[in-house]
N, C-alpha and C. Protein backbone atom coordinates (compact mmCIF):
# COMPACT_ATOMS: atom_id res chain seq x y z
N MET A 1 93.98 84.58 43.24
CA MET A 1 93.40 83.96 42.08
C MET A 1 94.43 83.97 40.96
N ILE A 2 94.52 82.88 40.22
CA ILE A 2 95.47 82.75 39.12
C ILE A 2 94.77 83.16 37.84
N ILE A 3 95.37 84.11 37.13
CA ILE A 3 94.81 84.58 35.87
C ILE A 3 95.81 84.28 34.76
N ILE A 4 95.37 83.60 33.73
CA ILE A 4 96.20 83.26 32.58
C ILE A 4 95.48 83.72 31.31
N GLU A 5 96.20 84.47 30.48
CA GLU A 5 95.61 84.89 29.21
C GLU A 5 95.86 83.82 28.17
N VAL A 6 94.83 83.52 27.38
CA VAL A 6 94.92 82.46 26.38
C VAL A 6 94.98 83.08 25.00
N GLN A 7 96.02 82.70 24.24
CA GLN A 7 96.11 83.12 22.85
C GLN A 7 95.22 82.20 22.02
N GLY A 8 94.85 82.62 20.83
CA GLY A 8 93.93 81.82 20.00
C GLY A 8 94.52 80.48 19.59
N GLY A 9 93.65 79.54 19.31
CA GLY A 9 94.05 78.23 18.79
C GLY A 9 94.33 77.20 19.87
N LYS A 10 94.57 75.97 19.38
CA LYS A 10 94.80 74.84 20.29
C LYS A 10 96.14 75.00 21.03
N ASP A 11 97.16 75.46 20.30
CA ASP A 11 98.47 75.63 20.93
C ASP A 11 98.41 76.65 22.06
N GLY A 12 97.63 77.68 21.86
CA GLY A 12 97.49 78.69 22.90
C GLY A 12 96.88 78.12 24.16
N LEU A 13 95.90 77.26 23.98
CA LEU A 13 95.25 76.63 25.12
C LEU A 13 96.23 75.70 25.86
N GLU A 14 97.02 74.95 25.09
CA GLU A 14 98.00 74.04 25.69
C GLU A 14 99.04 74.83 26.49
N LYS A 15 99.52 75.92 25.92
CA LYS A 15 100.52 76.75 26.60
C LYS A 15 99.93 77.37 27.86
N ALA A 16 98.69 77.83 27.76
CA ALA A 16 98.03 78.43 28.92
C ALA A 16 97.85 77.40 30.03
N LEU A 17 97.50 76.18 29.66
CA LEU A 17 97.34 75.12 30.65
C LEU A 17 98.67 74.82 31.34
N LYS A 18 99.75 74.79 30.56
CA LYS A 18 101.08 74.56 31.11
C LYS A 18 101.45 75.67 32.09
N LYS A 19 101.18 76.92 31.70
CA LYS A 19 101.47 78.06 32.57
C LYS A 19 100.67 77.96 33.87
N PHE A 20 99.39 77.58 33.73
CA PHE A 20 98.53 77.45 34.90
C PHE A 20 99.09 76.42 35.87
N LYS A 21 99.49 75.27 35.34
CA LYS A 21 100.02 74.21 36.19
C LYS A 21 101.28 74.67 36.91
N ARG A 22 102.17 75.38 36.19
CA ARG A 22 103.40 75.87 36.80
C ARG A 22 103.11 76.86 37.92
N LYS A 23 102.20 77.79 37.66
CA LYS A 23 101.85 78.78 38.68
C LYS A 23 101.19 78.12 39.88
N PHE A 24 100.33 77.16 39.60
CA PHE A 24 99.63 76.43 40.65
C PHE A 24 100.62 75.75 41.59
N GLU A 25 101.65 75.09 41.01
CA GLU A 25 102.67 74.42 41.81
C GLU A 25 103.53 75.43 42.55
N LYS A 26 103.86 76.54 41.90
CA LYS A 26 104.73 77.54 42.50
C LYS A 26 104.08 78.17 43.73
N ILE A 27 102.80 78.40 43.67
CA ILE A 27 102.07 78.99 44.79
C ILE A 27 101.99 78.01 45.97
N GLY A 28 101.94 76.71 45.66
CA GLY A 28 101.93 75.69 46.72
C GLY A 28 100.54 75.34 47.22
N ILE A 29 99.55 75.46 46.36
CA ILE A 29 98.17 75.17 46.76
C ILE A 29 97.99 73.70 47.12
N THR A 30 98.58 72.79 46.32
CA THR A 30 98.39 71.37 46.60
C THR A 30 99.03 70.97 47.93
N LYS A 31 100.21 71.53 48.23
CA LYS A 31 100.85 71.22 49.52
C LYS A 31 99.99 71.70 50.67
N GLU A 32 99.45 72.90 50.51
CA GLU A 32 98.61 73.47 51.56
C GLU A 32 97.35 72.62 51.78
N LEU A 33 96.74 72.16 50.69
CA LEU A 33 95.55 71.32 50.82
C LEU A 33 95.86 70.01 51.54
N ARG A 34 96.99 69.39 51.18
CA ARG A 34 97.37 68.15 51.84
C ARG A 34 97.65 68.38 53.32
N ARG A 35 98.30 69.52 53.63
CA ARG A 35 98.62 69.82 55.01
C ARG A 35 97.36 70.05 55.84
N ARG A 36 96.37 70.66 55.23
CA ARG A 36 95.13 70.96 55.96
C ARG A 36 94.16 69.80 56.02
N LYS A 37 94.47 68.73 55.31
CA LYS A 37 93.56 67.58 55.25
C LYS A 37 93.27 67.02 56.63
N GLU A 38 94.32 66.93 57.45
CA GLU A 38 94.11 66.46 58.82
C GLU A 38 94.92 67.33 59.77
N PHE A 39 94.41 67.53 60.94
CA PHE A 39 95.06 68.41 61.91
C PHE A 39 96.13 67.64 62.68
N THR A 40 97.30 68.26 62.81
CA THR A 40 98.33 67.71 63.68
C THR A 40 98.69 68.76 64.72
N LYS A 41 98.84 68.31 65.93
CA LYS A 41 99.14 69.23 67.02
C LYS A 41 100.51 69.88 66.78
N PRO A 42 100.65 71.13 67.21
CA PRO A 42 101.94 71.81 67.03
C PRO A 42 103.11 71.06 67.67
N SER A 43 102.87 70.41 68.80
CA SER A 43 103.95 69.67 69.46
C SER A 43 104.39 68.48 68.59
N VAL A 44 103.45 67.85 67.93
CA VAL A 44 103.77 66.71 67.06
C VAL A 44 104.52 67.21 65.83
N GLU A 45 104.10 68.34 65.27
CA GLU A 45 104.81 68.92 64.11
C GLU A 45 106.25 69.22 64.47
N ARG A 46 106.45 69.83 65.64
CA ARG A 46 107.80 70.17 66.09
C ARG A 46 108.63 68.91 66.28
N ARG A 47 108.04 67.88 66.86
CA ARG A 47 108.75 66.61 67.07
C ARG A 47 109.19 66.03 65.72
N ASN A 48 108.29 66.08 64.73
CA ASN A 48 108.63 65.57 63.40
C ASN A 48 109.75 66.38 62.75
N GLU A 49 109.74 67.70 62.94
CA GLU A 49 110.80 68.53 62.40
C GLU A 49 112.15 68.15 63.01
N ILE A 50 112.16 67.90 64.32
CA ILE A 50 113.39 67.52 65.00
C ILE A 50 113.88 66.17 64.49
N LYS A 51 112.97 65.22 64.29
CA LYS A 51 113.34 63.91 63.75
C LYS A 51 113.97 64.05 62.37
N LYS A 52 113.36 64.87 61.52
CA LYS A 52 113.90 65.07 60.17
C LYS A 52 115.28 65.70 60.22
N ALA A 53 115.46 66.67 61.10
CA ALA A 53 116.76 67.34 61.23
C ALA A 53 117.83 66.35 61.69
N LYS A 54 117.49 65.50 62.66
CA LYS A 54 118.44 64.49 63.14
C LYS A 54 118.80 63.52 62.02
N TRP A 55 117.81 63.11 61.24
CA TRP A 55 118.04 62.17 60.15
C TRP A 55 118.96 62.80 59.10
N ARG A 56 118.69 64.09 58.73
CA ARG A 56 119.53 64.80 57.76
C ARG A 56 120.97 64.90 58.27
N GLN A 57 121.11 65.26 59.54
CA GLN A 57 122.45 65.40 60.12
C GLN A 57 123.18 64.06 60.10
N HIS A 58 122.46 62.98 60.40
CA HIS A 58 123.05 61.64 60.39
C HIS A 58 123.55 61.29 58.99
N LYS A 59 122.77 61.61 57.98
CA LYS A 59 123.16 61.32 56.58
C LYS A 59 124.37 62.15 56.18
N LEU A 60 124.42 63.41 56.60
CA LEU A 60 125.56 64.27 56.30
C LEU A 60 126.82 63.75 56.98
N ASP A 61 126.67 63.28 58.22
CA ASP A 61 127.82 62.73 58.95
C ASP A 61 128.34 61.46 58.29
N GLU A 62 127.46 60.64 57.73
CA GLU A 62 127.87 59.42 57.04
C GLU A 62 128.71 59.75 55.81
N LEU A 63 128.36 60.80 55.10
CA LEU A 63 129.08 61.16 53.88
C LEU A 63 130.49 61.68 54.16
N GLN A 64 130.67 62.26 55.32
CA GLN A 64 131.99 62.85 55.63
C GLN A 64 132.93 61.91 56.26
């Protein structure tokens, strides 16, 4: 659970909201929710990882 202390006034609320958003992103809740939205088989995930690695390697080879 994310706990943020709020200082008095409007500025305090704005700062607290900013802190909340930063912590929320840092924890990775939105990524996790998107990932869990639909199930992908482990074999398909692995295949996608291999495709991404090949693509990255291809781009690195082009630069050199």
